[in-house]
Protein backbone atom coordinates (compact mmCIF):
# COMPACT_ATOMS: atom_id res chain seq x y z
CA MET A 1 0.08 0.03 -0.02
CA PRO A 2 2.74 2.46 -0.78
CA ILE A 3 0.71 5.31 -2.48
CA ILE A 4 -2.97 5.05 -2.69
CA HIS A 5 -5.52 7.40 -4.12
CA VAL A 6 -7.96 7.39 -1.10
CA LYS A 7 -11.07 8.25 -3.06
CA THR A 8 -10.75 5.69 -5.90
CA LYS A 9 -8.55 3.25 -3.86
CA GLN A 10 -6.37 2.93 -6.84
CA VAL A 11 -2.57 2.13 -6.21
CA ILE A 12 -0.63 5.06 -7.73
CA ALA A 13 2.73 3.51 -6.93
CA SER A 14 3.51 0.03 -5.36
CA ASN A 15 7.17 0.60 -4.50
CA CYS A 16 7.85 3.95 -3.14
CA TRP A 17 11.23 4.68 -1.77
CA GLU A 18 11.69 7.52 0.91
CA ALA A 19 14.82 9.61 0.55
CA LYS A 20 15.83 10.57 4.13
CA SER A 21 19.56 10.98 4.29
CA ILE A 22 21.26 14.11 3.02
CA ILE A 23 22.94 12.13 0.26
CA SER A 24 19.85 10.30 -0.94
CA ARG A 25 17.84 13.57 -0.78
CA ALA A 26 20.47 15.39 -2.87
CA ARG A 27 20.75 12.32 -5.39
CA GLY A 28 17.10 11.76 -5.82
CA MET A 29 16.63 9.97 -9.18
CA LEU A 30 20.18 10.68 -10.33
CA LEU A 31 21.63 7.37 -11.86
CA ARG A 32 18.41 5.62 -11.03
CA LYS A 33 15.54 4.73 -13.42
CA PHE A 34 11.92 4.04 -12.51
CA SER A 35 11.29 0.23 -12.44
CA SER A 36 9.05 -2.40 -10.75
CA ASP A 37 11.36 -2.03 -7.78
CA LEU A 38 11.13 1.79 -7.70
CA ASP A 39 8.07 3.49 -9.17
CA ALA A 40 8.01 6.53 -6.86
CA MET A 41 10.29 8.56 -4.53
CA ILE A 42 9.00 10.66 -1.75
CA PHE A 43 10.94 13.62 -0.10
CA ARG A 44 9.34 14.45 3.29
CA LYS A 45 9.50 17.85 4.79
CA ASN A 46 10.37 19.23 1.41
CA ASN A 47 8.66 21.68 -0.89
CA SER A 48 11.04 21.82 -3.95
CA ILE A 49 13.15 19.72 -6.20
CA HIS A 50 15.75 20.05 -8.87
CA MET A 51 16.36 18.05 -12.09
CA TRP A 52 20.07 18.72 -12.40
CA PHE A 53 21.86 15.78 -14.21
CA ILE A 54 18.58 13.87 -14.50
CA GLU A 55 18.21 12.54 -17.99
CA PHE A 56 14.44 12.06 -18.38
CA PRO A 57 11.29 14.03 -17.43
CA ILE A 58 9.14 13.08 -14.45
CA ASP A 59 5.69 13.86 -13.01
CA VAL A 60 5.70 15.62 -9.55
CA VAL A 61 3.02 15.73 -6.98
CA TYR A 62 3.32 18.14 -4.03
CA ILE A 63 1.22 17.32 -0.99
CA SER A 64 0.35 18.86 2.34
CA ASP A 65 -1.49 16.93 5.08
CA GLY A 66 -2.01 14.12 2.56
CA LYS A 67 -3.72 16.34 0.00
CA VAL A 68 -2.45 17.25 -3.42
CA VAL A 69 -1.59 21.00 -3.48
CA LYS A 70 0.30 21.17 -6.87
CA LEU A 71 0.79 18.95 -9.80
CA VAL A 72 3.58 19.10 -12.46
CA GLU A 73 3.39 16.94 -15.50
CA ARG A 74 6.53 16.29 -17.51
CA LEU A 75 9.07 18.24 -15.46
CA LYS A 76 12.03 18.44 -17.76
CA PRO A 77 15.70 17.69 -17.00
CA TRP A 78 17.81 20.67 -15.76
CA SER A 79 14.74 22.43 -14.20
CA LEU A 80 13.51 23.36 -10.87
CA SER A 81 10.00 23.23 -9.28
CA ALA A 82 8.77 24.33 -5.94
CA CYS A 83 5.47 24.83 -4.00
CA LYS A 84 5.59 27.00 -0.86
CA ILE A 85 2.65 25.30 0.86
CA ALA A 86 3.84 21.64 0.26
CA GLN A 87 5.06 19.41 3.04
CA ASP A 88 6.24 16.52 0.85
CA VAL A 89 7.20 15.93 -2.80
CA ILE A 90 6.58 12.83 -4.67
CA GLU A 91 8.36 11.99 -7.90
CA LEU A 92 6.66 9.68 -10.29
CA PRO A 93 7.21 8.20 -13.81
CA ILE A 94 6.01 10.51 -16.58
CA GLY A 95 2.36 10.05 -17.36
CA THR A 96 1.38 8.92 -13.83
CA ILE A 97 -0.68 12.17 -13.14
CA SER A 98 -2.77 11.84 -16.26
CA LYS A 99 -3.08 7.94 -15.93
CA PHE A 100 -4.70 8.17 -12.54
CA ASP A 101 -6.47 11.55 -13.28
CA LEU A 102 -4.93 13.24 -10.19
CA CYS A 103 -6.33 16.55 -9.24
CA LEU A 104 -5.74 19.22 -6.66
CA ASP A 105 -7.27 18.40 -3.33
CA ASP A 106 -7.17 14.67 -3.93
CA LYS A 107 -6.07 12.76 -0.80
CA LEU A 108 -3.14 10.32 -1.04
CA ALA A 109 -2.15 7.68 1.51
CA VAL A 110 1.66 7.40 1.42
CA ILE A 111 3.74 4.54 3.03
CA ALA A 112 7.33 4.29 1.81
CA ASP A 113 8.58 0.77 1.40
CA THR A 114 12.32 1.51 1.19
CA VAL A 115 14.19 4.21 3.13
CA ILE A 116 17.49 5.21 1.34
């Protein structure tokens, strides 16, 4: 039950990793690719991300108190993104936002499988 859309009960991501250490937070998806073992990464107590050295676009969901407060589809490499009111940031494979029809104020239940 890593990331669940509360209203629809759909599993948005089945293998969410939580970036906790300073190194893993700075590295994020650098030198990683989304796969069946890693289909989401969450950064708790964070409201911005960078895409420096990342070679592929991603979808980004900003949440606060479990509610979606900002959605960014197809965030490009070498770009930045932020949301002042967000508490956490979730990085997802491109197309996830549209696939699950995520909207502002949707409630997500997040449980990280792996802490790095």
